[in-house]
Amino acid sequence: MKFLVEIDVMPLKALLDPQGKAVTNTLHNMGHSTAENVRIGKHITMDLEAEDMMIAEEKTEEICKKVLSNPIMESFQYKINKA
């Protein structure tokens, strides 16, 4: 069975996000002073073959933990839908 997986990887809230800070400063310089707490992350999509939803979730967890995120600095969340 084929699944479509959408993954968001974001820096942990407790850590400084230099990209987000730079974008916030740029927005303020452009006159968008109400923009605050910009955080920059990654959005990843992939097709995944698995026998069922439970196995798709297990595979996605492993991929996120071992390849797509750094657990010391980032958190992740995902959605899985049948393709």
C-alpha atoms as a PDB file:
ATOM      1  CA  MET A   1       0.000   0.000   0.000  1.00  0.00           C
ATOM      2  CA  LYS A   2       1.343   3.452  -0.867  1.00  0.00           C
ATOM      3  CA  PHE A   3       1.192   6.385   1.550  1.00  0.00           C
ATOM      4  CA  LEU A   4       1.895  10.094   1.175  1.00  0.00           C
ATOM      5  CA  VAL A   5       3.867  11.405   4.148  1.00  0.00           C
ATOM      6  CA  GLU A   6       4.206  15.115   4.982  1.00  0.00           C
ATOM      7  CA  ILE A   7       6.837  15.981   7.580  1.00  0.00           C
ATOM      8  CA  ASP A   8       7.610  19.289   9.280  1.00  0.00           C
ATOM      9  CA  VAL A   9      10.965  19.648  11.012  1.00  0.00           C
ATOM     10  CA  MET A  10      11.393  22.742  13.186  1.00  0.00           C
ATOM     11  CA  PRO A  11      14.096  24.063  15.502  1.00  0.00           C
ATOM     12  CA  LEU A  12      13.307  23.498  19.172  1.00  0.00           C
ATOM     13  CA  LYS A  13      11.598  26.529  20.693  1.00  0.00           C
ATOM     14  CA  ALA A  14      14.272  26.811  23.398  1.00  0.00           C
ATOM     15  CA  LEU A  15      17.019  27.295  20.787  1.00  0.00           C
ATOM     16  CA  LEU A  16      17.957  30.410  18.865  1.00  0.00           C
ATOM     17  CA  ASP A  17      16.832  30.336  15.223  1.00  0.00           C
ATOM     18  CA  PRO A  18      19.269  32.638  13.350  1.00  0.00           C
ATOM     19  CA  GLN A  19      17.350  32.342  10.064  1.00  0.00           C
ATOM     20  CA  GLY A  20      14.085  33.178  11.779  1.00  0.00           C
ATOM     21  CA  LYS A  21      15.709  36.149  13.534  1.00  0.00           C
ATOM     22  CA  ALA A  22      17.097  37.460  10.229  1.00  0.00           C
ATOM     23  CA  VAL A  23      13.677  37.181   8.573  1.00  0.00           C
ATOM     24  CA  THR A  24      12.018  38.900  11.545  1.00  0.00           C
ATOM     25  CA  ASN A  25      14.507  41.784  11.281  1.00  0.00           C
ATOM     26  CA  THR A  26      13.934  42.072   7.529  1.00  0.00           C
ATOM     27  CA  LEU A  27      10.171  42.123   8.002  1.00  0.00           C
ATOM     28  CA  HIS A  28      10.495  44.862  10.633  1.00  0.00           C
ATOM     29  CA  ASN A  29      12.741  46.873   8.263  1.00  0.00           C
ATOM     30  CA  MET A  30      10.041  46.533   5.578  1.00  0.00           C
ATOM     31  CA  GLY A  31       7.454  48.000   7.934  1.00  0.00           C
ATOM     32  CA  HIS A  32       5.870  44.751   9.114  1.00  0.00           C
ATOM     33  CA  SER A  33       6.490  45.478  12.793  1.00  0.00           C
ATOM     34  CA  THR A  34       3.728  43.135  13.951  1.00  0.00           C
ATOM     35  CA  ALA A  35       5.591  40.041  12.661  1.00  0.00           C
ATOM     36  CA  GLU A  36       7.219  38.254  15.595  1.00  0.00           C
ATOM     37  CA  ASN A  37       8.763  34.902  16.512  1.00  0.00           C
ATOM     38  CA  VAL A  38       9.491  33.775  12.945  1.00  0.00           C
ATOM     39  CA  ARG A  39      10.849  30.209  12.923  1.00  0.00           C
ATOM     40  CA  ILE A  40      12.354  28.625   9.804  1.00  0.00           C
ATOM     41  CA  GLY A  41      12.098  24.862   9.308  1.00  0.00           C
ATOM     42  CA  LYS A  42      11.800  22.190   6.640  1.00  0.00           C
ATOM     43  CA  HIS A  43       8.712  20.715   5.004  1.00  0.00           C
ATOM     44  CA  ILE A  44       9.329  17.304   3.442  1.00  0.00           C
ATOM     45  CA  THR A  45       6.974  15.119   1.426  1.00  0.00           C
ATOM     46  CA  MET A  46       7.596  11.539   0.377  1.00  0.00           C
ATOM     47  CA  ASP A  47       5.782   8.514  -0.980  1.00  0.00           C
ATOM     48  CA  LEU A  48       6.211   5.509   1.261  1.00  0.00           C
ATOM     49  CA  GLU A  49       5.340   1.879   0.586  1.00  0.00           C
ATOM     50  CA  ALA A  50       4.115  -0.035   3.662  1.00  0.00           C
ATOM     51  CA  GLU A  51       1.813  -2.931   4.448  1.00  0.00           C
ATOM     52  CA  ASP A  52      -0.508  -0.803   6.598  1.00  0.00           C
ATOM     53  CA  MET A  53      -0.785   2.542   8.420  1.00  0.00           C
ATOM     54  CA  MET A  54       0.911   1.272  11.592  1.00  0.00           C
ATOM     55  CA  ILE A  55       4.001   0.137   9.683  1.00  0.00           C
ATOM     56  CA  ALA A  56       4.002   3.412   7.718  1.00  0.00           C
ATOM     57  CA  GLU A  57       4.067   5.296  11.035  1.00  0.00           C
ATOM     58  CA  GLU A  58       6.924   3.145  12.360  1.00  0.00           C
ATOM     59  CA  LYS A  59       8.953   3.696   9.184  1.00  0.00           C
ATOM     60  CA  THR A  60       8.255   7.438   9.232  1.00  0.00           C
ATOM     61  CA  GLU A  61       9.331   7.734  12.894  1.00  0.00           C
ATOM     62  CA  GLU A  62      12.600   5.951  12.139  1.00  0.00           C
ATOM     63  CA  ILE A  63      13.273   8.078   9.044  1.00  0.00           C
ATOM     64  CA  CYS A  64      12.579  11.285  10.956  1.00  0.00           C
ATOM     65  CA  LYS A  65      14.714  10.329  13.950  1.00  0.00           C
ATOM     66  CA  LYS A  66      17.669   8.907  12.027  1.00  0.00           C
ATOM     67  CA  VAL A  67      17.786  10.969   8.827  1.00  0.00           C
ATOM     68  CA  LEU A  68      15.583  14.060   8.642  1.00  0.00           C
ATOM     69  CA  SER A  69      15.997  15.678  12.051  1.00  0.00           C
ATOM     70  CA  ASN A  70      18.607  16.272  14.699  1.00  0.00           C
ATOM     71  CA  PRO A  71      16.827  15.452  17.977  1.00  0.00           C
ATOM     72  CA  ILE A  72      19.202  17.688  19.942  1.00  0.00           C
ATOM     73  CA  MET A  73      18.148  20.772  17.975  1.00  0.00           C
ATOM     74  CA  GLU A  74      14.919  19.930  16.139  1.00  0.00           C
ATOM     75  CA  SER A  75      11.467  18.488  16.626  1.00  0.00           C
ATOM     76  CA  PHE A  76       9.265  16.936  13.970  1.00  0.00           C
ATOM     77  CA  GLN A  77       5.650  16.126  13.286  1.00  0.00           C
ATOM     78  CA  TYR A  78       4.053  14.354  10.367  1.00  0.00           C
ATOM     79  CA  LYS A  79       0.825  13.420   8.640  1.00  0.00           C
ATOM     80  CA  ILE A  80       0.327  10.188   6.731  1.00  0.00           C
ATOM     81  CA  ASN A  81      -2.424   9.696   4.155  1.00  0.00           C
ATOM     82  CA  LYS A  82      -3.156   6.888   1.738  1.00  0.00           C
ATOM     83  CA  ALA A  83      -1.844   7.870  -1.679  1.00  0.00           C
END
